[in-house]
C-alpha atoms as a PDB file:
ATOM      1  CA  MET A   1      29.723 -39.915 -61.119  1.00  0.00           C
ATOM      2  CA  ILE A   2      27.082 -42.610 -60.682  1.00  0.00           C
ATOM      3  CA  LEU A   3      23.397 -41.792 -60.317  1.00  0.00           C
ATOM      4  CA  SER A   4      21.628 -44.481 -58.283  1.00  0.00           C
ATOM      5  CA  ILE A   5      17.943 -45.241 -57.754  1.00  0.00           C
ATOM      6  CA  GLU A   6      16.253 -47.349 -55.047  1.00  0.00           C
ATOM      7  CA  SER A   7      12.555 -48.312 -55.134  1.00  0.00           C
ATOM      8  CA  SER A   8      12.456 -51.951 -53.986  1.00  0.00           C
ATOM      9  CA  CYS A   9       9.757 -51.394 -51.343  1.00  0.00           C
ATOM     10  CA  ASP A  10       8.431 -48.225 -49.704  1.00  0.00           C
ATOM     11  CA  ASP A  11      11.366 -45.801 -49.872  1.00  0.00           C
ATOM     12  CA  SER A  12      11.959 -43.601 -52.925  1.00  0.00           C
ATOM     13  CA  ALA A  13      15.637 -42.663 -53.033  1.00  0.00           C
ATOM     14  CA  ILE A  14      18.218 -41.259 -55.443  1.00  0.00           C
ATOM     15  CA  ALA A  15      21.922 -40.633 -54.857  1.00  0.00           C
ATOM     16  CA  ILE A  16      24.971 -39.306 -56.677  1.00  0.00           C
ATOM     17  CA  THR A  17      28.327 -40.970 -55.881  1.00  0.00           C
ATOM     18  CA  GLU A  18      31.759 -39.895 -57.139  1.00  0.00           C
ATOM     19  CA  ILE A  19      33.520 -42.836 -58.768  1.00  0.00           C
ATOM     20  CA  GLU A  20      37.116 -42.028 -57.899  1.00  0.00           C
ATOM     21  CA  THR A  21      36.621 -41.165 -54.221  1.00  0.00           C
ATOM     22  CA  ASN A  22      33.362 -42.981 -53.270  1.00  0.00           C
ATOM     23  CA  LYS A  23      32.184 -39.605 -51.975  1.00  0.00           C
ATOM     24  CA  LEU A  24      28.430 -39.234 -51.592  1.00  0.00           C
ATOM     25  CA  LEU A  25      27.587 -35.944 -53.299  1.00  0.00           C
ATOM     26  CA  PHE A  26      23.796 -36.112 -53.111  1.00  0.00           C
ATOM     27  CA  HIS A  27      21.285 -38.318 -51.328  1.00  0.00           C
ATOM     28  CA  LYS A  28      17.559 -37.812 -50.933  1.00  0.00           C
ATOM     29  CA  LYS A  29      14.985 -40.272 -49.656  1.00  0.00           C
ATOM     30  CA  ILE A  30      11.234 -39.906 -49.385  1.00  0.00           C
ATOM     31  CA  SER A  31       9.676 -42.433 -47.025  1.00  0.00           C
ATOM     32  CA  GLN A  32       6.127 -43.749 -47.359  1.00  0.00           C
ATOM     33  CA  GLU A  33       5.807 -44.888 -43.735  1.00  0.00           C
ATOM     34  CA  ILE A  34       2.927 -42.535 -42.893  1.00  0.00           C
ATOM     35  CA  GLU A  35       0.864 -43.609 -45.905  1.00  0.00           C
ATOM     36  CA  HIS A  36       1.304 -47.322 -45.165  1.00  0.00           C
ATOM     37  CA  SER A  37       1.032 -47.124 -41.362  1.00  0.00           C
ATOM     38  CA  VAL A  38      -2.770 -47.042 -41.464  1.00  0.00           C
ATOM     39  CA  TYR A  39      -2.688 -50.487 -43.134  1.00  0.00           C
ATOM     40  CA  GLY A  40      -0.120 -51.970 -40.759  1.00  0.00           C
ATOM     41  CA  GLY A  41       2.228 -52.825 -43.630  1.00  0.00           C
ATOM     42  CA  VAL A  42       3.207 -51.967 -47.192  1.00  0.00           C
ATOM     43  CA  VAL A  43       0.459 -51.959 -49.831  1.00  0.00           C
ATOM     44  CA  PRO A  44       2.329 -52.670 -53.126  1.00  0.00           C
ATOM     45  CA  GLU A  45       0.041 -50.772 -55.507  1.00  0.00           C
ATOM     46  CA  LEU A  46      -0.007 -47.708 -53.234  1.00  0.00           C
ATOM     47  CA  ALA A  47       3.779 -47.878 -52.934  1.00  0.00           C
ATOM     48  CA  ALA A  48       4.150 -47.947 -56.730  1.00  0.00           C
ATOM     49  CA  ARG A  49       1.933 -44.851 -57.145  1.00  0.00           C
ATOM     50  CA  LEU A  50       3.889 -42.983 -54.488  1.00  0.00           C
ATOM     51  CA  HIS A  51       7.191 -43.875 -56.192  1.00  0.00           C
ATOM     52  CA  ALA A  52       5.800 -42.534 -59.469  1.00  0.00           C
ATOM     53  CA  GLU A  53       5.180 -39.208 -57.723  1.00  0.00           C
ATOM     54  CA  ALA A  54       8.332 -38.995 -55.596  1.00  0.00           C
ATOM     55  CA  LEU A  55      11.128 -40.232 -57.857  1.00  0.00           C
ATOM     56  CA  PRO A  56      10.721 -37.531 -60.568  1.00  0.00           C
ATOM     57  CA  LYS A  57      10.713 -34.835 -57.869  1.00  0.00           C
ATOM     58  CA  ILE A  58      14.018 -36.102 -56.481  1.00  0.00           C
ATOM     59  CA  LEU A  59      15.547 -36.605 -59.928  1.00  0.00           C
ATOM     60  CA  GLU A  60      14.791 -32.963 -60.757  1.00  0.00           C
ATOM     61  CA  GLN A  61      17.151 -31.963 -57.932  1.00  0.00           C
ATOM     62  CA  THR A  62      20.090 -33.856 -59.492  1.00  0.00           C
ATOM     63  CA  LYS A  63      20.131 -32.144 -62.897  1.00  0.00           C
ATOM     64  CA  GLU A  64      23.341 -30.234 -62.178  1.00  0.00           C
ATOM     65  CA  TYR A  65      25.193 -33.555 -62.000  1.00  0.00           C
ATOM     66  CA  PHE A  66      23.944 -34.895 -65.353  1.00  0.00           C
ATOM     67  CA  PRO A  67      26.981 -33.716 -67.406  1.00  0.00           C
ATOM     68  CA  HIS A  68      29.272 -35.679 -65.066  1.00  0.00           C
ATOM     69  CA  LEU A  69      27.380 -38.984 -65.018  1.00  0.00           C
ATOM     70  CA  LYS A  70      29.172 -42.078 -66.280  1.00  0.00           C
ATOM     71  CA  ALA A  71      26.396 -44.581 -65.488  1.00  0.00           C
ATOM     72  CA  VAL A  72      23.048 -45.055 -63.755  1.00  0.00           C
ATOM     73  CA  ALA A  73      22.662 -47.836 -61.166  1.00  0.00           C
ATOM     74  CA  VAL A  74      19.277 -49.119 -60.058  1.00  0.00           C
ATOM     75  CA  THR A  75      17.891 -51.791 -57.746  1.00  0.00           C
ATOM     76  CA  SER A  76      16.476 -54.479 -60.019  1.00  0.00           C
ATOM     77  CA  THR A  77      16.227 -57.391 -57.538  1.00  0.00           C
ATOM     78  CA  PRO A  78      14.785 -58.410 -55.085  1.00  0.00           C
ATOM     79  CA  GLY A  79      11.700 -56.490 -54.020  1.00  0.00           C
ATOM     80  CA  LEU A  80       8.097 -55.802 -54.930  1.00  0.00           C
ATOM     81  CA  ALA A  81       7.712 -56.154 -58.685  1.00  0.00           C
ATOM     82  CA  VAL A  82       5.421 -53.129 -59.052  1.00  0.00           C
ATOM     83  CA  THR A  83       7.809 -50.845 -57.143  1.00  0.00           C
ATOM     84  CA  LEU A  84      11.024 -52.152 -58.733  1.00  0.00           C
ATOM     85  CA  VAL A  85       9.509 -51.317 -62.122  1.00  0.00           C
ATOM     86  CA  GLU A  86       9.231 -47.638 -61.171  1.00  0.00           C
ATOM     87  CA  GLY A  87      12.953 -47.325 -60.461  1.00  0.00           C
ATOM     88  CA  VAL A  88      14.101 -49.449 -63.384  1.00  0.00           C
ATOM     89  CA  THR A  89      11.887 -47.530 -65.824  1.00  0.00           C
ATOM     90  CA  MET A  90      13.360 -44.240 -64.649  1.00  0.00           C
ATOM     91  CA  ALA A  91      16.914 -45.630 -64.854  1.00  0.00           C
ATOM     92  CA  LYS A  92      16.323 -46.758 -68.428  1.00  0.00           C
ATOM     93  CA  ALA A  93      15.007 -43.328 -69.368  1.00  0.00           C
ATOM     94  CA  VAL A  94      18.078 -41.629 -67.860  1.00  0.00           C
ATOM     95  CA  ALA A  95      20.452 -44.103 -69.543  1.00  0.00           C
ATOM     96  CA  VAL A  96      18.882 -43.515 -72.967  1.00  0.00           C
ATOM     97  CA  ALA A  97      18.587 -39.730 -72.570  1.00  0.00           C
ATOM     98  CA  LEU A  98      22.206 -39.290 -71.441  1.00  0.00           C
ATOM     99  CA  ASP A  99      23.620 -42.180 -73.496  1.00  0.00           C
ATOM    100  CA  ILE A 100      25.295 -43.800 -70.489  1.00  0.00           C
ATOM    101  CA  PRO A 101      25.463 -47.452 -69.320  1.00  0.00           C
ATOM    102  CA  ILE A 102      22.885 -48.935 -66.958  1.00  0.00           C
ATOM    103  CA  ILE A 103      23.792 -51.150 -63.988  1.00  0.00           C
ATOM    104  CA  GLY A 104      21.285 -53.510 -62.371  1.00  0.00           C
ATOM    105  CA  VAL A 105      22.050 -53.880 -58.657  1.00  0.00           C
ATOM    106  CA  ASN A 106      21.028 -56.633 -56.250  1.00  0.00           C
ATOM    107  CA  HIS A 107      19.414 -54.938 -53.252  1.00  0.00           C
ATOM    108  CA  LEU A 108      20.945 -57.460 -50.828  1.00  0.00           C
ATOM    109  CA  ILE A 109      24.446 -56.644 -52.064  1.00  0.00           C
ATOM    110  CA  GLY A 110      23.441 -53.019 -51.592  1.00  0.00           C
ATOM    111  CA  HIS A 111      22.874 -53.685 -47.900  1.00  0.00           C
ATOM    112  CA  ILE A 112      26.336 -55.252 -47.635  1.00  0.00           C
ATOM    113  CA  TYR A 113      27.804 -52.156 -49.292  1.00  0.00           C
ATOM    114  CA  SER A 114      25.958 -49.886 -46.853  1.00  0.00           C
ATOM    115  CA  LEU A 115      28.984 -50.635 -44.671  1.00  0.00           C
ATOM    116  CA  PHE A 116      31.246 -48.917 -47.196  1.00  0.00           C
ATOM    117  CA  ILE A 117      29.445 -45.705 -48.115  1.00  0.00           C
ATOM    118  CA  GLU A 118      32.233 -43.136 -48.592  1.00  0.00           C
ATOM    119  CA  LYS A 119      34.738 -45.852 -47.608  1.00  0.00           C
ATOM    120  CA  GLN A 120      36.867 -48.586 -49.145  1.00  0.00           C
ATOM    121  CA  THR A 121      35.545 -52.142 -49.033  1.00  0.00           C
ATOM    122  CA  GLN A 122      36.790 -54.551 -46.343  1.00  0.00           C
ATOM    123  CA  PHE A 123      36.519 -58.105 -47.624  1.00  0.00           C
ATOM    124  CA  PRO A 124      36.339 -60.960 -46.762  1.00  0.00           C
ATOM    125  CA  LEU A 125      33.669 -60.837 -44.069  1.00  0.00           C
ATOM    126  CA  THR A 126      30.799 -62.830 -42.612  1.00  0.00           C
ATOM    127  CA  CYS A 127      27.559 -60.884 -42.863  1.00  0.00           C
ATOM    128  CA  LEU A 128      24.193 -61.167 -41.118  1.00  0.00           C
ATOM    129  CA  LEU A 129      21.443 -59.474 -43.124  1.00  0.00           C
ATOM    130  CA  VAL A 130      18.296 -58.741 -41.116  1.00  0.00           C
ATOM    131  CA  SER A 131      15.535 -56.756 -42.778  1.00  0.00           C
ATOM    132  CA  GLY A 132      11.814 -56.724 -43.407  1.00  0.00           C
ATOM    133  CA  GLY A 133      12.178 -59.188 -46.242  1.00  0.00           C
ATOM    134  CA  HIS A 134      15.313 -61.175 -45.472  1.00  0.00           C
ATOM    135  CA  THR A 135      17.221 -62.944 -42.721  1.00  0.00           C
ATOM    136  CA  GLN A 136      20.375 -64.646 -43.955  1.00  0.00           C
ATOM    137  CA  VAL A 137      24.027 -65.245 -43.198  1.00  0.00           C
ATOM    138  CA  MET A 138      26.498 -64.751 -46.036  1.00  0.00           C
ATOM    139  CA  GLU A 139      30.196 -65.294 -46.552  1.00  0.00           C
ATOM    140  CA  VAL A 140      31.366 -62.343 -48.628  1.00  0.00           C
ATOM    141  CA  LYS A 141      34.755 -62.667 -50.291  1.00  0.00           C
ATOM    142  CA  SER A 142      34.229 -60.018 -52.947  1.00  0.00           C
ATOM    143  CA  LEU A 143      31.554 -58.266 -54.975  1.00  0.00           C
ATOM    144  CA  SER A 144      31.203 -61.302 -57.224  1.00  0.00           C
ATOM    145  CA  ASP A 145      31.880 -64.017 -54.621  1.00  0.00           C
ATOM    146  CA  ILE A 146      29.026 -64.115 -52.105  1.00  0.00           C
ATOM    147  CA  LYS A 147      27.731 -67.363 -50.632  1.00  0.00           C
ATOM    148  CA  THR A 148      24.589 -67.670 -48.506  1.00  0.00           C
ATOM    149  CA  VAL A 149      25.136 -70.224 -45.725  1.00  0.00           C
ATOM    150  CA  GLY A 150      21.810 -69.868 -43.919  1.00  0.00           C
ATOM    151  CA  LYS A 151      18.486 -68.108 -44.409  1.00  0.00           C
ATOM    152  CA  SER A 152      14.951 -67.891 -43.042  1.00  0.00           C
ATOM    153  CA  MET A 153      12.544 -70.698 -43.817  1.00  0.00           C
ATOM    154  CA  ASP A 154       9.521 -68.386 -43.464  1.00  0.00           C
ATOM    155  CA  ASP A 155       9.161 -64.931 -41.888  1.00  0.00           C
ATOM    156  CA  SER A 156      12.180 -62.662 -41.644  1.00  0.00           C
ATOM    157  CA  PHE A 157      13.510 -61.108 -38.429  1.00  0.00           C
ATOM    158  CA  GLY A 158      12.283 -57.640 -39.406  1.00  0.00           C
ATOM    159  CA  GLU A 159       8.960 -58.903 -40.711  1.00  0.00           C
ATOM    160  CA  SER A 160       8.234 -60.611 -37.397  1.00  0.00           C
ATOM    161  CA  PHE A 161       8.691 -57.274 -35.581  1.00  0.00           C
ATOM    162  CA  ASP A 162       6.277 -55.613 -38.008  1.00  0.00           C
ATOM    163  CA  LYS A 163       3.678 -58.335 -37.486  1.00  0.00           C
ATOM    164  CA  VAL A 164       3.964 -58.304 -33.696  1.00  0.00           C
ATOM    165  CA  ALA A 165       3.554 -54.521 -33.739  1.00  0.00           C
ATOM    166  CA  LYS A 166       0.460 -54.932 -35.903  1.00  0.00           C
ATOM    167  CA  MET A 167      -0.978 -57.462 -33.420  1.00  0.00           C
ATOM    168  CA  MET A 168      -0.632 -54.830 -30.703  1.00  0.00           C
ATOM    169  CA  GLY A 169      -2.074 -52.079 -32.866  1.00  0.00           C
ATOM    170  CA  LEU A 170       1.156 -50.065 -32.691  1.00  0.00           C
ATOM    171  CA  GLY A 171       1.485 -49.138 -36.361  1.00  0.00           C
ATOM    172  CA  TYR A 172       4.180 -49.493 -39.021  1.00  0.00           C
ATOM    173  CA  PRO A 173       7.137 -49.945 -39.247  1.00  0.00           C
ATOM    174  CA  GLY A 174       7.170 -52.220 -36.219  1.00  0.00           C
ATOM    175  CA  GLY A 175      10.885 -52.506 -35.441  1.00  0.00           C
ATOM    176  CA  PRO A 176      11.397 -49.148 -33.698  1.00  0.00           C
ATOM    177  CA  LEU A 177       7.977 -49.387 -31.992  1.00  0.00           C
ATOM    178  CA  ILE A 178       8.662 -52.821 -30.473  1.00  0.00           C
ATOM    179  CA  GLN A 179      12.180 -51.755 -29.452  1.00  0.00           C
ATOM    180  CA  GLU A 180      10.790 -48.717 -27.633  1.00  0.00           C
ATOM    181  CA  LEU A 181       8.032 -50.728 -25.929  1.00  0.00           C
ATOM    182  CA  ALA A 182      10.499 -53.443 -24.889  1.00  0.00           C
ATOM    183  CA  LYS A 183      12.723 -50.976 -22.997  1.00  0.00           C
ATOM    184  CA  ASP A 184      10.367 -50.970 -20.026  1.00  0.00           C
ATOM    185  CA  GLY A 185       9.438 -54.643 -20.191  1.00  0.00           C
ATOM    186  CA  ASN A 186      10.693 -57.807 -18.505  1.00  0.00           C
ATOM    187  CA  ARG A 187      12.532 -60.037 -20.992  1.00  0.00           C
ATOM    188  CA  GLU A 188      11.926 -63.084 -18.793  1.00  0.00           C
ATOM    189  CA  ALA A 189       8.183 -62.538 -18.331  1.00  0.00           C
ATOM    190  CA  TYR A 190       7.179 -64.817 -21.189  1.00  0.00           C
ATOM    191  CA  ASN A 191       9.061 -68.048 -21.789  1.00  0.00           C
ATOM    192  CA  PHE A 192       8.633 -68.223 -25.550  1.00  0.00           C
ATOM    193  CA  THR A 193      10.344 -71.192 -27.218  1.00  0.00           C
ATOM    194  CA  VAL A 194      13.496 -70.425 -29.199  1.00  0.00           C
ATOM    195  CA  PRO A 195      12.791 -71.483 -32.810  1.00  0.00           C
ATOM    196  CA  LEU A 196      14.735 -74.439 -34.233  1.00  0.00           C
ATOM    197  CA  HIS A 197      16.771 -74.709 -31.012  1.00  0.00           C
ATOM    198  CA  GLN A 198      17.190 -78.485 -31.459  1.00  0.00           C
ATOM    199  CA  SER A 199      17.755 -78.396 -35.207  1.00  0.00           C
ATOM    200  CA  PRO A 200      21.320 -78.810 -36.533  1.00  0.00           C
ATOM    201  CA  LEU A 201      20.465 -76.591 -39.508  1.00  0.00           C
ATOM    202  CA  ILE A 202      21.910 -73.115 -39.904  1.00  0.00           C
ATOM    203  CA  ALA A 203      18.487 -71.691 -40.688  1.00  0.00           C
ATOM    204  CA  PHE A 204      15.950 -69.308 -39.199  1.00  0.00           C
ATOM    205  CA  SER A 205      12.212 -69.403 -38.583  1.00  0.00           C
ATOM    206  CA  TYR A 206       9.883 -66.887 -36.994  1.00  0.00           C
ATOM    207  CA  SER A 207       6.400 -68.193 -37.814  1.00  0.00           C
ATOM    208  CA  GLY A 208       6.109 -70.303 -34.634  1.00  0.00           C
ATOM    209  CA  LEU A 209       7.383 -67.524 -32.369  1.00  0.00           C
ATOM    210  CA  LYS A 210       5.021 -65.079 -34.050  1.00  0.00           C
ATOM    211  CA  ASN A 211       2.071 -67.388 -33.321  1.00  0.00           C
ATOM    212  CA  ALA A 212       3.085 -67.786 -29.663  1.00  0.00           C
ATOM    213  CA  VAL A 213       3.241 -64.008 -29.339  1.00  0.00           C
ATOM    214  CA  ARG A 214      -0.188 -63.678 -30.972  1.00  0.00           C
ATOM    215  CA  LEU A 215      -1.704 -65.930 -28.306  1.00  0.00           C
ATOM    216  CA  ALA A 216      -0.006 -63.909 -25.559  1.00  0.00           C
ATOM    217  CA  VAL A 217      -1.259 -60.646 -27.047  1.00  0.00           C
ATOM    218  CA  GLU A 218      -4.819 -61.963 -27.242  1.00  0.00           C
ATOM    219  CA  LYS A 219      -4.652 -63.062 -23.614  1.00  0.00           C
ATOM    220  CA  ALA A 220      -3.186 -59.697 -22.514  1.00  0.00           C
ATOM    221  CA  ASP A 221      -6.296 -58.015 -23.941  1.00  0.00           C
ATOM    222  CA  GLY A 222      -4.778 -54.554 -24.312  1.00  0.00           C
ATOM    223  CA  ASP A 223      -2.980 -54.471 -20.939  1.00  0.00           C
ATOM    224  CA  THR A 224      -0.123 -51.979 -21.527  1.00  0.00           C
ATOM    225  CA  ALA A 225       2.156 -53.478 -18.847  1.00  0.00           C
ATOM    226  CA  LYS A 226       1.741 -56.953 -20.315  1.00  0.00           C
ATOM    227  CA  TYR A 227       2.365 -55.589 -23.827  1.00  0.00           C
ATOM    228  CA  LYS A 228       5.708 -54.205 -22.623  1.00  0.00           C
ATOM    229  CA  ASP A 229       6.663 -57.605 -21.219  1.00  0.00           C
ATOM    230  CA  ILE A 230       5.528 -59.387 -24.396  1.00  0.00           C
ATOM    231  CA  ALA A 231       7.549 -56.973 -26.547  1.00  0.00           C
ATOM    232  CA  ALA A 232      10.659 -57.429 -24.376  1.00  0.00           C
ATOM    233  CA  SER A 233      10.325 -61.221 -24.276  1.00  0.00           C
ATOM    234  CA  PHE A 234       9.716 -61.395 -28.018  1.00  0.00           C
ATOM    235  CA  GLU A 235      12.711 -59.189 -28.824  1.00  0.00           C
ATOM    236  CA  HIS A 236      14.859 -61.316 -26.502  1.00  0.00           C
ATOM    237  CA  ILE A 237      13.847 -64.667 -28.035  1.00  0.00           C
ATOM    238  CA  ALA A 238      13.903 -63.392 -31.631  1.00  0.00           C
ATOM    239  CA  THR A 239      17.481 -62.212 -31.047  1.00  0.00           C
ATOM    240  CA  LYS A 240      18.494 -65.304 -29.062  1.00  0.00           C
ATOM    241  CA  HIS A 241      17.445 -67.416 -32.058  1.00  0.00           C
ATOM    242  CA  LEU A 242      19.926 -65.544 -34.252  1.00  0.00           C
ATOM    243  CA  ILE A 243      22.674 -65.739 -31.641  1.00  0.00           C
ATOM    244  CA  MET A 244      22.265 -69.495 -31.115  1.00  0.00           C
ATOM    245  CA  LYS A 245      22.463 -70.228 -34.842  1.00  0.00           C
ATOM    246  CA  LEU A 246      25.457 -67.958 -35.313  1.00  0.00           C
ATOM    247  CA  LYS A 247      27.213 -69.617 -32.371  1.00  0.00           C
ATOM    248  CA  LYS A 248      26.596 -72.996 -33.975  1.00  0.00           C
ATOM    249  CA  TYR A 249      27.973 -71.747 -37.311  1.00  0.00           C
ATOM    250  CA  PHE A 250      31.018 -70.182 -35.647  1.00  0.00           C
ATOM    251  CA  LYS A 251      32.079 -73.562 -34.203  1.00  0.00           C
ATOM    252  CA  THR A 252      33.316 -74.576 -37.655  1.00  0.00           C
ATOM    253  CA  ASN A 253      33.651 -71.101 -39.199  1.00  0.00           C
ATOM    254  CA  PRO A 254      35.061 -68.699 -36.590  1.00  0.00           C
ATOM    255  CA  PRO A 255      34.668 -65.086 -37.741  1.00  0.00           C
ATOM    256  CA  LYS A 256      37.494 -62.607 -38.199  1.00  0.00           C
ATOM    257  CA  ARG A 257      35.368 -59.769 -39.522  1.00  0.00           C
ATOM    258  CA  PHE A 258      31.593 -59.778 -38.939  1.00  0.00           C
ATOM    259  CA  ALA A 259      28.906 -57.362 -40.117  1.00  0.00           C
ATOM    260  CA  ILE A 260      25.213 -56.780 -39.420  1.00  0.00           C
ATOM    261  CA  VAL A 261      23.292 -55.009 -42.191  1.00  0.00           C
ATOM    262  CA  GLY A 262      19.682 -54.333 -43.186  1.00  0.00           C
ATOM    263  CA  GLY A 263      16.934 -52.245 -41.656  1.00  0.00           C
ATOM    264  CA  ALA A 264      16.628 -54.419 -38.546  1.00  0.00           C
ATOM    265  CA  SER A 265      20.371 -54.103 -37.865  1.00  0.00           C
ATOM    266  CA  ALA A 266      19.470 -50.775 -36.237  1.00  0.00           C
ATOM    267  CA  ASN A 267      17.996 -52.735 -33.306  1.00  0.00           C
ATOM    268  CA  LEU A 268      20.176 -51.830 -30.329  1.00  0.00           C
ATOM    269  CA  TYR A 269      19.498 -55.027 -28.374  1.00  0.00           C
ATOM    270  CA  LEU A 270      20.585 -57.128 -31.353  1.00  0.00           C
ATOM    271  CA  ARG A 271      23.754 -55.069 -31.715  1.00  0.00           C
ATOM    272  CA  SER A 272      24.635 -55.510 -28.038  1.00  0.00           C
ATOM    273  CA  GLN A 273      24.094 -59.282 -28.172  1.00  0.00           C
ATOM    274  CA  ILE A 274      26.217 -59.638 -31.322  1.00  0.00           C
ATOM    275  CA  GLU A 275      29.004 -57.659 -29.641  1.00  0.00           C
ATOM    276  CA  GLU A 276      28.968 -60.130 -26.730  1.00  0.00           C
ATOM    277  CA  LEU A 277      28.925 -63.097 -29.125  1.00  0.00           C
ATOM    278  CA  LEU A 278      32.010 -61.875 -30.973  1.00  0.00           C
ATOM    279  CA  LYS A 279      34.194 -61.158 -27.917  1.00  0.00           C
ATOM    280  CA  PRO A 280      35.678 -64.698 -27.570  1.00  0.00           C
ATOM    281  CA  TYR A 281      36.714 -64.622 -31.242  1.00  0.00           C
ATOM    282  CA  GLY A 282      38.312 -61.189 -31.202  1.00  0.00           C
ATOM    283  CA  ALA A 283      36.383 -60.491 -34.392  1.00  0.00           C
ATOM    284  CA  LYS A 284      35.944 -56.975 -35.729  1.00  0.00           C
ATOM    285  CA  LEU A 285      32.307 -55.856 -35.885  1.00  0.00           C
ATOM    286  CA  LEU A 286      31.283 -53.745 -38.857  1.00  0.00           C
ATOM    287  CA  LEU A 287      28.059 -51.716 -38.686  1.00  0.00           C
ATOM    288  CA  SER A 288      26.385 -49.342 -41.094  1.00  0.00           C
ATOM    289  CA  GLU A 289      25.616 -45.824 -39.920  1.00  0.00           C
ATOM    290  CA  LEU A 290      22.057 -45.834 -38.579  1.00  0.00           C
ATOM    291  CA  GLN A 291      20.865 -43.587 -41.419  1.00  0.00           C
ATOM    292  CA  TYR A 292      21.998 -46.202 -43.963  1.00  0.00           C
ATOM    293  CA  CYS A 293      20.597 -49.330 -42.271  1.00  0.00           C
ATOM    294  CA  SER A 294      17.213 -49.012 -43.961  1.00  0.00           C
ATOM    295  CA  ASP A 295      16.749 -48.995 -47.739  1.00  0.00           C
ATOM    296  CA  ASN A 296      18.588 -46.132 -49.450  1.00  0.00           C
ATOM    297  CA  ALA A 297      20.124 -45.157 -52.785  1.00  0.00           C
ATOM    298  CA  ALA A 298      23.563 -44.380 -51.334  1.00  0.00           C
ATOM    299  CA  MET A 299      24.283 -48.097 -50.846  1.00  0.00           C
ATOM    300  CA  ILE A 300      23.082 -48.848 -54.392  1.00  0.00           C
ATOM    301  CA  GLY A 301      25.409 -46.157 -55.709  1.00  0.00           C
ATOM    302  CA  ARG A 302      28.324 -47.591 -53.747  1.00  0.00           C
ATOM    303  CA  VAL A 303      27.739 -51.005 -55.362  1.00  0.00           C
ATOM    304  CA  GLY A 304      27.356 -49.213 -58.681  1.00  0.00           C
ATOM    305  CA  VAL A 305      30.839 -47.712 -58.369  1.00  0.00           C
ATOM    306  CA  ASP A 306      32.484 -51.133 -58.009  1.00  0.00           C
ATOM    307  CA  MET A 307      30.313 -52.659 -60.745  1.00  0.00           C
ATOM    308  CA  TYR A 308      31.226 -49.745 -63.042  1.00  0.00           C
ATOM    309  CA  LYS A 309      34.919 -50.367 -62.428  1.00  0.00           C
ATOM    310  CA  GLU A 310      34.377 -54.035 -63.309  1.00  0.00           C
ATOM    311  CA  LYS A 311      32.290 -53.017 -66.356  1.00  0.00           C
ATOM    312  CA  SER A 312      29.350 -55.087 -65.074  1.00  0.00           C
ATOM    313  CA  PHE A 313      26.750 -53.394 -67.240  1.00  0.00           C
ATOM    314  CA  SER A 314      23.293 -54.427 -68.366  1.00  0.00           C
ATOM    315  CA  THR A 315      21.506 -53.215 -71.478  1.00  0.00           C
ATOM    316  CA  VAL A 316      18.357 -51.124 -71.517  1.00  0.00           C
ATOM    317  CA  ALA A 317      16.602 -53.836 -73.506  1.00  0.00           C
ATOM    318  CA  ASP A 318      17.629 -56.736 -71.270  1.00  0.00           C
ATOM    319  CA  LEU A 319      17.436 -55.285 -67.754  1.00  0.00           C
ATOM    320  CA  ASP A 320      14.292 -56.558 -66.080  1.00  0.00           C
ATOM    321  CA  VAL A 321      13.016 -56.706 -62.527  1.00  0.00           C
ATOM    322  CA  GLN A 322      13.387 -59.913 -60.519  1.00  0.00           C
ATOM    323  CA  PRO A 323      11.217 -59.952 -57.355  1.00  0.00           C
ATOM    324  CA  ARG A 324      13.277 -62.831 -55.917  1.00  0.00           C
ATOM    325  CA  SER A 325      17.020 -62.743 -55.434  1.00  0.00           C
ATOM    326  CA  ASN A 326      19.374 -65.520 -56.470  1.00  0.00           C
ATOM    327  CA  LEU A 327      21.542 -64.955 -53.387  1.00  0.00           C
END
């Protein structure tokens, strides 16, 4: 079995995955959303302290599996440095105590593998990752052959939802709150400009849209009906931006198998628009179960299984945290 640990941001999670069958035997996650909601976003130092409290409590519940562990996998990149350290330090302690190998996992690859929890992998595929920290399109041929073909130049898709929610005083995390507010709004009420709509680049940008929304929010001055329309119009344009860039990319790289992963992939409007986009290509759409869209240790364990089979180990001495990913 593989023990896996996730602490890249504000979720403390540990999982146990069976190597031969990919079966998820144990998974526990403690979210910090309530603690951070009063600040409208994640406070790194607070997150690190909460990980230090939560991770040992979860690990205690996995002791029965210790005799069966063949390796420990842990998110080591990307993420908040102070929170990554909590998970990596625990993983090193487990590796030394049980005399088993340690596997450093890229969190972004973890999101790709969220598609395959308790399943076999289905490569190659084109993947759209949308989360609080990342917006990028990747061509995934295998675990070790992943190429990023487009990414955000500033804010991420998920981050923009969080910031718009903060502007409206809705709380954190913003994605579900904006989605709920947008249900009763008019998507055509505000004619926000689609970012980079004239640019030939396969790239994303949300800073300009975010600023346009800020001005609309200020003008609305707390009017609930207008907030609903702003939320709906924002969600529509933020998604349309993704769709337009994907459509441009598909002209030269038509998809056969397409996936949406990351915390923001749970957005139902985005899912519906991607489904429509893929129809002319007859492409298969792969989606993670909703419970595995956000950060979790099950996806890290699933990557860990394949890395274990390929003997892609780190050493306790050399494994270090890398806040930025090389993907």
